[in-house]
N, C-alpha and C. Protein backbone atom coordinates (compact mmCIF):
# COMPACT_ATOMS: atom_id res chain seq x y z
N MET A 1 -36.36 65.00 26.41
CA MET A 1 -37.55 65.97 26.82
C MET A 1 -38.50 65.65 25.49
N ALA A 2 -39.76 65.21 26.14
CA ALA A 2 -40.69 65.26 25.51
C ALA A 2 -41.27 66.88 24.76
N ILE A 3 -41.28 66.99 23.63
CA ILE A 3 -42.26 68.39 23.00
C ILE A 3 -42.93 68.06 22.19
N ASP A 4 -44.54 69.10 22.21
CA ASP A 4 -45.40 68.59 21.13
C ASP A 4 -45.04 69.61 20.14
N LEU A 5 -44.53 69.34 18.91
CA LEU A 5 -44.19 69.69 18.02
C LEU A 5 -45.42 70.35 17.15
N SER A 6 -47.09 69.97 17.53
CA SER A 6 -48.19 70.54 16.77
C SER A 6 -48.27 71.73 16.71
N THR A 7 -47.53 72.37 18.29
CA THR A 7 -47.42 73.72 18.80
C THR A 7 -46.86 74.77 18.02
N ILE A 8 -46.18 73.96 17.37
CA ILE A 8 -44.73 74.73 16.68
C ILE A 8 -44.91 75.19 15.05
N TYR A 9 -45.51 73.54 14.27
CA TYR A 9 -45.40 73.06 13.17
C TYR A 9 -46.87 72.20 12.66
N VAL A 10 -47.45 72.34 11.82
CA VAL A 10 -48.73 71.67 11.52
C VAL A 10 -48.26 71.53 10.03
N PRO A 11 -47.71 70.46 9.08
CA PRO A 11 -47.50 70.75 7.86
C PRO A 11 -48.96 70.86 7.31
N HIS A 12 -48.92 71.21 6.28
CA HIS A 12 -49.76 71.11 4.86
C HIS A 12 -49.43 69.80 4.35
N GLU A 13 -50.52 69.35 3.24
CA GLU A 13 -50.23 67.95 2.52
C GLU A 13 -48.77 68.27 1.87
N ARG A 14 -48.24 69.32 1.33
CA ARG A 14 -47.80 69.04 0.10
C ARG A 14 -46.03 69.36 1.21
N GLN A 15 -46.37 69.82 2.12
CA GLN A 15 -44.84 69.53 3.20
C GLN A 15 -45.02 67.87 3.83
N ARG A 16 -45.91 67.77 3.83
CA ARG A 16 -46.10 65.92 4.57
C ARG A 16 -45.38 65.13 4.04
N ALA A 17 -45.61 65.40 2.35
CA ALA A 17 -45.30 64.64 1.47
C ALA A 17 -43.92 64.82 1.32
N PHE A 18 -43.03 65.80 1.32
CA PHE A 18 -42.21 66.37 1.35
C PHE A 18 -41.36 65.85 2.47
N HIS A 19 -41.81 66.06 3.86
CA HIS A 19 -41.23 64.88 5.17
C HIS A 19 -41.07 63.71 4.96
N SER A 20 -41.69 63.27 4.36
CA SER A 20 -41.96 61.50 3.85
C SER A 20 -41.40 60.94 3.10
N CYS A 21 -40.68 61.80 2.32
CA CYS A 21 -40.36 61.25 1.25
C CYS A 21 -39.11 60.35 1.71
N PRO A 22 -38.86 59.18 0.73
CA PRO A 22 -37.84 58.25 1.41
C PRO A 22 -36.15 58.67 0.18
N ALA A 23 -36.72 59.48 -0.38
CA ALA A 23 -35.48 59.99 -1.96
C ALA A 23 -34.01 60.64 -0.97
N ASP A 24 -32.78 60.51 -0.96
CA ASP A 24 -31.90 60.82 -0.78
C ASP A 24 -32.09 62.44 -1.05
N VAL A 25 -31.96 62.78 -2.29
CA VAL A 25 -32.27 63.76 -2.53
C VAL A 25 -33.70 64.59 -2.92
N VAL A 26 -34.40 65.39 -2.70
CA VAL A 26 -35.69 65.93 -2.68
C VAL A 26 -35.90 67.35 -3.25
N LEU A 27 -36.58 67.63 -4.46
CA LEU A 27 -36.48 69.08 -4.84
C LEU A 27 -38.29 69.32 -4.53
N TYR A 28 -38.25 70.41 -3.87
CA TYR A 28 -39.46 70.98 -3.46
C TYR A 28 -39.56 71.91 -4.27
N GLY A 29 -40.65 72.45 -5.04
CA GLY A 29 -40.54 73.87 -5.67
C GLY A 29 -42.11 74.38 -5.81
N GLY A 30 -42.77 75.19 -6.24
CA GLY A 30 -44.02 75.76 -6.13
C GLY A 30 -43.91 77.24 -6.20
N ALA A 31 -45.16 77.97 -6.36
CA ALA A 31 -45.03 79.09 -6.43
C ALA A 31 -44.62 80.07 -4.36
N ALA A 32 -44.64 80.84 -4.51
CA ALA A 32 -44.19 81.98 -3.54
C ALA A 32 -45.13 81.73 -2.36
N GLY A 33 -44.51 81.34 -1.30
CA GLY A 33 -45.80 81.34 -0.31
C GLY A 33 -46.03 79.90 0.18
N GLY A 34 -45.83 78.98 -0.90
CA GLY A 34 -46.32 77.17 -0.60
C GLY A 34 -45.68 76.90 0.68
N GLY A 35 -44.61 77.69 1.50
CA GLY A 35 -44.13 76.73 2.51
C GLY A 35 -43.04 75.70 2.32
N LYS A 36 -42.37 75.87 1.25
CA LYS A 36 -41.30 75.32 0.99
C LYS A 36 -39.83 75.64 1.88
N SER A 37 -39.86 77.01 2.00
CA SER A 37 -38.78 77.31 3.15
C SER A 37 -39.08 77.37 5.12
N ILE A 38 -40.24 76.86 4.97
CA ILE A 38 -40.60 76.40 6.68
C ILE A 38 -40.68 74.93 6.04
N ALA A 39 -40.98 74.43 5.15
CA ALA A 39 -40.66 72.58 5.65
C ALA A 39 -39.17 72.20 5.49
N LEU A 40 -38.34 73.15 4.63
CA LEU A 40 -36.81 72.67 4.93
C LEU A 40 -36.57 73.18 6.00
N LEU A 41 -36.52 74.04 6.75
CA LEU A 41 -36.76 74.54 8.17
C LEU A 41 -36.97 73.65 8.91
N MET A 42 -37.84 72.85 8.89
CA MET A 42 -38.43 72.11 9.94
C MET A 42 -38.05 71.04 9.90
N GLU A 43 -37.67 70.14 8.11
CA GLU A 43 -37.19 68.90 7.78
C GLU A 43 -35.43 68.85 8.78
N ALA A 44 -34.83 70.49 8.58
CA ALA A 44 -33.71 70.08 9.54
C ALA A 44 -33.75 70.02 11.21
N PHE A 45 -34.60 71.12 11.46
CA PHE A 45 -34.73 70.70 12.49
C PHE A 45 -35.54 69.06 13.06
N LEU A 46 -36.01 68.66 12.53
CA LEU A 46 -36.72 67.55 12.80
C LEU A 46 -35.43 66.70 12.70
N GLN A 47 -34.79 66.37 11.76
CA GLN A 47 -33.75 65.69 11.90
C GLN A 47 -32.67 66.56 13.25
N CYS A 48 -32.33 66.94 13.34
CA CYS A 48 -31.28 66.96 14.50
C CYS A 48 -31.67 66.45 15.46
N LEU A 49 -33.62 66.77 15.89
CA LEU A 49 -34.19 66.68 16.88
C LEU A 49 -33.92 64.97 17.36
N GLU A 50 -33.95 64.34 16.09
CA GLU A 50 -34.35 62.85 16.19
C GLU A 50 -33.18 62.48 15.92
N THR A 51 -32.16 62.57 15.81
CA THR A 51 -30.48 62.31 15.45
C THR A 51 -29.63 62.15 16.25
N PRO A 52 -29.11 62.22 17.46
CA PRO A 52 -28.21 62.60 18.22
C PRO A 52 -27.30 62.84 17.50
N TYR A 53 -26.06 63.80 17.63
CA TYR A 53 -25.08 63.93 17.11
C TYR A 53 -25.00 64.77 15.72
N ASN A 54 -25.88 65.01 15.07
CA ASN A 54 -26.54 65.21 13.62
C ASN A 54 -25.71 66.42 13.39
N ARG A 55 -25.31 66.57 12.32
CA ARG A 55 -24.99 68.00 11.74
C ARG A 55 -25.83 68.08 10.74
N ALA A 56 -26.47 69.68 10.40
CA ALA A 56 -27.33 69.72 9.70
C ALA A 56 -26.69 71.25 8.89
N LEU A 57 -26.97 71.55 7.65
CA LEU A 57 -26.65 72.66 6.99
C LEU A 57 -27.55 73.42 6.43
N LEU A 58 -27.89 74.91 6.34
CA LEU A 58 -29.17 74.99 5.82
C LEU A 58 -28.50 76.40 4.82
N LEU A 59 -28.56 76.12 3.34
CA LEU A 59 -27.92 77.51 2.84
C LEU A 59 -29.34 78.19 2.17
N ARG A 60 -28.18 79.74 2.22
CA ARG A 60 -28.73 80.35 0.97
C ARG A 60 -28.02 81.17 0.36
N ARG A 61 -27.99 81.89 -0.63
CA ARG A 61 -26.77 82.57 -1.43
C ARG A 61 -26.15 83.10 -0.65
N THR A 62 -26.41 84.68 -0.13
CA THR A 62 -26.25 85.66 0.75
C THR A 62 -26.69 85.34 2.11
N PHE A 63 -25.99 85.79 2.96
CA PHE A 63 -25.92 85.87 4.24
C PHE A 63 -26.92 87.00 4.80
N PRO A 64 -27.50 88.08 4.06
CA PRO A 64 -28.97 89.35 4.15
C PRO A 64 -29.92 88.23 4.10
N GLU A 65 -29.78 87.41 2.80
CA GLU A 65 -31.38 86.53 2.65
C GLU A 65 -31.14 85.58 3.79
N LEU A 66 -30.41 85.09 4.20
CA LEU A 66 -30.47 83.92 5.36
C LEU A 66 -30.94 84.62 6.63
N ASP A 67 -30.49 85.71 6.82
CA ASP A 67 -30.88 86.25 7.77
C ASP A 67 -32.33 86.93 8.23
N ARG A 68 -32.85 87.51 6.69
CA ARG A 68 -34.79 87.81 6.45
C ARG A 68 -35.45 86.83 6.16
N SER A 69 -34.71 85.43 6.11
CA SER A 69 -35.72 84.63 6.36
C SER A 69 -35.48 83.40 7.21
N LEU A 70 -34.51 82.29 6.79
CA LEU A 70 -34.47 81.14 8.21
C LEU A 70 -34.09 81.35 8.95
N ILE A 71 -33.19 82.11 9.51
CA ILE A 71 -32.59 82.57 10.42
C ILE A 71 -33.82 83.19 11.57
N GLN A 72 -34.36 84.19 11.51
CA GLN A 72 -36.03 84.60 12.17
C GLN A 72 -36.67 84.33 11.84
N VAL A 73 -36.95 83.22 11.43
CA VAL A 73 -38.35 81.94 11.33
C VAL A 73 -37.80 81.61 12.52
N SER A 74 -36.96 80.74 12.18
CA SER A 74 -36.28 79.65 13.25
C SER A 74 -35.93 80.44 14.74
N LEU A 75 -35.78 81.86 14.90
CA LEU A 75 -35.73 82.78 16.12
C LEU A 75 -37.07 82.34 16.87
N ARG A 76 -38.11 82.59 15.85
CA ARG A 76 -39.69 82.58 16.11
C ARG A 76 -40.47 81.05 16.57
N MET A 77 -39.54 80.05 15.56
CA MET A 77 -40.37 78.60 15.99
C MET A 77 -39.75 77.44 16.88
N PHE A 78 -38.64 77.83 16.93
CA PHE A 78 -37.85 76.56 17.82
C PHE A 78 -38.10 76.81 19.35
N PRO A 79 -38.44 75.77 19.65
CA PRO A 79 -38.49 75.54 21.55
C PRO A 79 -37.22 75.77 21.89
N ARG A 80 -37.23 76.64 23.11
CA ARG A 80 -35.74 76.79 23.80
C ARG A 80 -35.46 75.64 24.89
N GLU A 81 -36.50 74.88 24.78
CA GLU A 81 -36.50 73.77 25.87
C GLU A 81 -35.13 72.42 25.19
N VAL A 82 -35.48 72.76 23.33
CA VAL A 82 -34.46 71.63 22.82
C VAL A 82 -33.52 72.09 22.41
N CYS A 83 -33.34 73.10 22.58
CA CYS A 83 -32.30 73.84 21.23
C CYS A 83 -31.52 75.44 21.54
N THR A 84 -30.66 75.65 21.59
CA THR A 84 -30.15 77.12 21.66
C THR A 84 -29.74 77.70 20.50
N TYR A 85 -29.89 79.10 20.45
CA TYR A 85 -29.51 79.50 19.33
C TYR A 85 -28.12 80.66 19.78
N ARG A 86 -27.16 80.29 18.85
CA ARG A 86 -25.91 80.69 18.99
C ARG A 86 -25.41 81.94 17.74
N ALA A 87 -25.61 82.97 17.96
CA ALA A 87 -25.85 84.18 17.11
C ALA A 87 -24.15 83.82 16.75
N SER A 88 -23.18 84.10 17.51
CA SER A 88 -22.09 84.31 17.09
C SER A 88 -21.47 83.34 15.58
N ASN A 89 -21.92 81.99 15.64
CA ASN A 89 -21.88 80.79 14.98
C ASN A 89 -22.98 80.43 13.78
N LYS A 90 -23.72 80.98 14.33
CA LYS A 90 -24.95 80.85 13.28
C LYS A 90 -25.41 79.85 13.07
N THR A 91 -25.53 79.14 14.63
CA THR A 91 -26.01 77.34 14.56
C THR A 91 -26.77 77.88 15.85
N TRP A 92 -27.62 76.69 15.60
CA TRP A 92 -28.84 76.03 17.27
C TRP A 92 -28.31 74.88 17.18
N GLU A 93 -27.58 75.08 18.99
CA GLU A 93 -27.13 73.58 19.48
C GLU A 93 -28.44 72.72 20.14
N PHE A 94 -28.32 71.62 19.88
CA PHE A 94 -29.54 70.69 20.40
C PHE A 94 -29.22 69.81 21.89
N ARG A 95 -29.85 69.65 22.29
CA ARG A 95 -29.63 69.14 23.66
C ARG A 95 -29.00 67.81 23.70
N ASN A 96 -29.50 67.02 22.24
CA ASN A 96 -28.75 65.64 21.85
C ASN A 96 -27.83 65.81 21.60
N GLY A 97 -26.82 66.94 21.31
CA GLY A 97 -25.60 67.26 20.91
C GLY A 97 -25.51 67.37 19.29
N SER A 98 -26.33 67.84 18.72
CA SER A 98 -26.78 67.94 17.07
C SER A 98 -26.87 69.42 17.04
N VAL A 99 -26.12 69.46 15.94
CA VAL A 99 -25.96 71.33 15.82
C VAL A 99 -26.73 71.61 14.15
N LEU A 100 -27.47 72.37 14.08
CA LEU A 100 -27.95 73.03 13.05
C LEU A 100 -27.33 74.13 12.48
N GLU A 101 -26.54 74.37 11.48
CA GLU A 101 -25.38 75.41 11.27
C GLU A 101 -26.77 76.33 9.47
N PHE A 102 -26.73 77.21 9.80
CA PHE A 102 -26.62 78.43 8.54
C PHE A 102 -25.44 78.91 7.80
N GLY A 103 -25.23 78.40 6.67
CA GLY A 103 -24.91 78.87 5.81
C GLY A 103 -25.11 79.68 4.48
N TYR A 104 -24.01 80.30 3.98
CA TYR A 104 -24.21 81.22 2.76
C TYR A 104 -23.00 80.82 1.57
N SER A 105 -23.19 81.13 0.23
CA SER A 105 -22.17 80.76 -0.54
C SER A 105 -22.29 81.77 -1.80
N GLU A 106 -22.13 83.02 -1.45
CA GLU A 106 -22.93 84.23 -2.56
C GLU A 106 -21.46 83.84 -3.56
N GLU A 107 -19.88 84.02 -3.24
CA GLU A 107 -18.82 83.58 -4.44
C GLU A 107 -18.77 81.96 -5.16
N GLU A 108 -18.65 81.68 -5.92
CA GLU A 108 -18.42 80.18 -6.10
C GLU A 108 -17.46 79.67 -5.33
N ARG A 109 -16.31 80.25 -4.91
CA ARG A 109 -15.08 79.72 -4.22
C ARG A 109 -15.72 79.85 -2.39
N ASP A 110 -17.10 80.65 -1.57
CA ASP A 110 -17.60 80.26 -0.90
C ASP A 110 -17.50 79.04 -0.44
N ILE A 111 -17.87 77.86 -1.12
CA ILE A 111 -18.49 76.48 -0.93
C ILE A 111 -17.31 75.93 -0.35
N TYR A 112 -15.85 76.43 -0.28
CA TYR A 112 -14.38 75.67 0.23
C TYR A 112 -14.61 75.86 1.86
N ARG A 113 -15.45 76.80 2.01
CA ARG A 113 -15.56 77.06 3.90
C ARG A 113 -15.98 76.18 4.28
N TYR A 114 -16.59 75.00 3.47
CA TYR A 114 -17.38 73.91 4.14
C TYR A 114 -16.13 72.81 3.78
N GLN A 115 -15.14 73.09 3.20
CA GLN A 115 -14.28 72.03 2.78
C GLN A 115 -14.37 70.71 3.82
N SER A 116 -13.91 71.17 5.52
CA SER A 116 -13.61 70.04 5.82
C SER A 116 -14.57 69.28 7.04
N ALA A 117 -15.81 69.83 6.61
CA ALA A 117 -17.25 69.54 7.65
C ALA A 117 -18.07 68.50 7.03
N GLU A 118 -19.08 67.38 7.80
CA GLU A 118 -19.66 66.48 7.54
C GLU A 118 -20.96 67.06 7.82
N TYR A 119 -21.98 66.65 7.46
CA TYR A 119 -23.28 66.55 7.29
C TYR A 119 -24.10 65.80 7.52
N GLY A 120 -25.05 65.43 8.02
CA GLY A 120 -25.93 64.49 7.59
C GLY A 120 -27.06 64.71 6.85
N PHE A 121 -27.32 66.15 6.70
CA PHE A 121 -28.42 67.10 5.72
C PHE A 121 -27.99 68.24 5.55
N ILE A 122 -28.36 68.52 4.20
CA ILE A 122 -27.62 69.44 3.46
C ILE A 122 -29.30 69.94 3.21
N GLY A 123 -29.37 71.61 3.17
CA GLY A 123 -30.63 72.17 2.53
C GLY A 123 -30.49 73.09 1.57
N PHE A 124 -30.83 73.38 0.65
CA PHE A 124 -30.82 74.98 -0.28
C PHE A 124 -31.87 75.44 -0.21
N ASP A 125 -31.91 76.65 0.35
CA ASP A 125 -33.33 77.26 0.25
C ASP A 125 -33.19 78.12 -1.48
N GLU A 126 -34.27 78.17 -1.97
CA GLU A 126 -33.55 78.64 -3.60
C GLU A 126 -32.81 78.57 -4.03
N LEU A 127 -32.69 77.00 -4.36
CA LEU A 127 -31.73 76.22 -4.94
C LEU A 127 -31.65 76.91 -6.30
N THR A 128 -32.11 77.31 -6.95
CA THR A 128 -32.07 77.66 -8.65
C THR A 128 -31.23 79.03 -8.31
N HIS A 129 -30.78 79.77 -6.96
CA HIS A 129 -29.88 80.62 -6.43
C HIS A 129 -28.66 80.50 -6.59
N PHE A 130 -28.66 79.00 -6.85
CA PHE A 130 -26.92 78.31 -6.67
C PHE A 130 -26.56 77.91 -7.82
N THR A 131 -25.18 77.62 -8.06
CA THR A 131 -24.71 76.98 -9.55
C THR A 131 -24.83 75.43 -9.18
N TYR A 132 -24.82 75.30 -10.53
CA TYR A 132 -24.09 73.55 -10.33
C TYR A 132 -23.41 73.07 -9.42
N GLU A 133 -22.23 73.72 -9.91
CA GLU A 133 -21.10 73.19 -8.97
C GLU A 133 -21.15 73.62 -7.97
N GLN A 134 -21.49 74.44 -7.33
CA GLN A 134 -21.81 74.53 -5.65
C GLN A 134 -22.38 73.45 -5.18
N TRP A 135 -23.95 73.46 -5.93
CA TRP A 135 -24.68 72.44 -4.95
C TRP A 135 -23.90 71.01 -5.34
N ASP A 136 -23.46 70.55 -6.61
CA ASP A 136 -22.83 69.15 -6.79
C ASP A 136 -21.57 68.99 -5.65
N TYR A 137 -20.75 70.04 -5.82
CA TYR A 137 -19.66 69.75 -4.13
C TYR A 137 -20.17 69.84 -3.17
N LEU A 138 -21.41 70.54 -2.88
CA LEU A 138 -21.56 70.41 -1.25
C LEU A 138 -22.15 69.52 -1.15
N VAL A 139 -22.95 68.53 -1.76
CA VAL A 139 -23.86 67.39 -1.99
C VAL A 139 -23.07 66.21 -1.71
N ASN A 140 -22.29 66.27 -2.78
CA ASN A 140 -21.12 64.92 -3.25
C ASN A 140 -19.92 64.68 -2.17
N SER A 141 -20.01 65.94 -1.73
CA SER A 141 -18.46 66.00 -0.86
C SER A 141 -18.90 66.26 0.73
N ARG A 142 -19.97 66.49 0.85
CA ARG A 142 -19.90 67.05 2.53
C ARG A 142 -21.36 66.59 3.11
N LEU A 143 -22.19 65.77 2.15
CA LEU A 143 -23.43 65.03 2.69
C LEU A 143 -22.52 63.78 3.21
N ARG A 144 -22.37 63.62 4.04
CA ARG A 144 -21.30 62.38 4.48
C ARG A 144 -21.29 61.81 5.95
N SER A 145 -21.91 62.02 6.79
CA SER A 145 -21.95 61.77 8.26
C SER A 145 -22.05 60.91 8.23
N THR A 146 -20.97 60.45 9.40
CA THR A 146 -20.55 59.16 10.15
C THR A 146 -22.07 58.86 11.28
N VAL A 147 -22.90 59.81 11.92
CA VAL A 147 -23.85 59.46 12.57
C VAL A 147 -24.97 58.27 11.63
N PRO A 148 -25.19 57.38 12.35
CA PRO A 148 -26.50 56.23 11.98
C PRO A 148 -27.46 57.15 11.72
């Protein structure tokens, strides 16, 4: 199903640069209100929309932070014609088989909740709130999708 993305998201210059960056790891910094979280959310959405059976993970340090930010914004922005939110799992399920999962890692050991998972995209909202070990484990062991 074709949707007009410009009705839900028109990225500004820095967001466009983020979306078009060919690097495997992209860091996007700046002052509050610069659109970083929206860009991250929409990149996960776009990758799920464009790649059938993709799995994406978006993380915050705690669930309340996640619920107040990324989840609420996604509920306002994502078109229901292409995906459905499952509150019990904190996931968006796409018609093409992709899944966007919201997760958190409040304690250091919480990263092991993702131990058996494979993701084609992992995004950290507020990366500076995570430890290096959390980032390293998730990126270097869970970012390993078999989806082309």
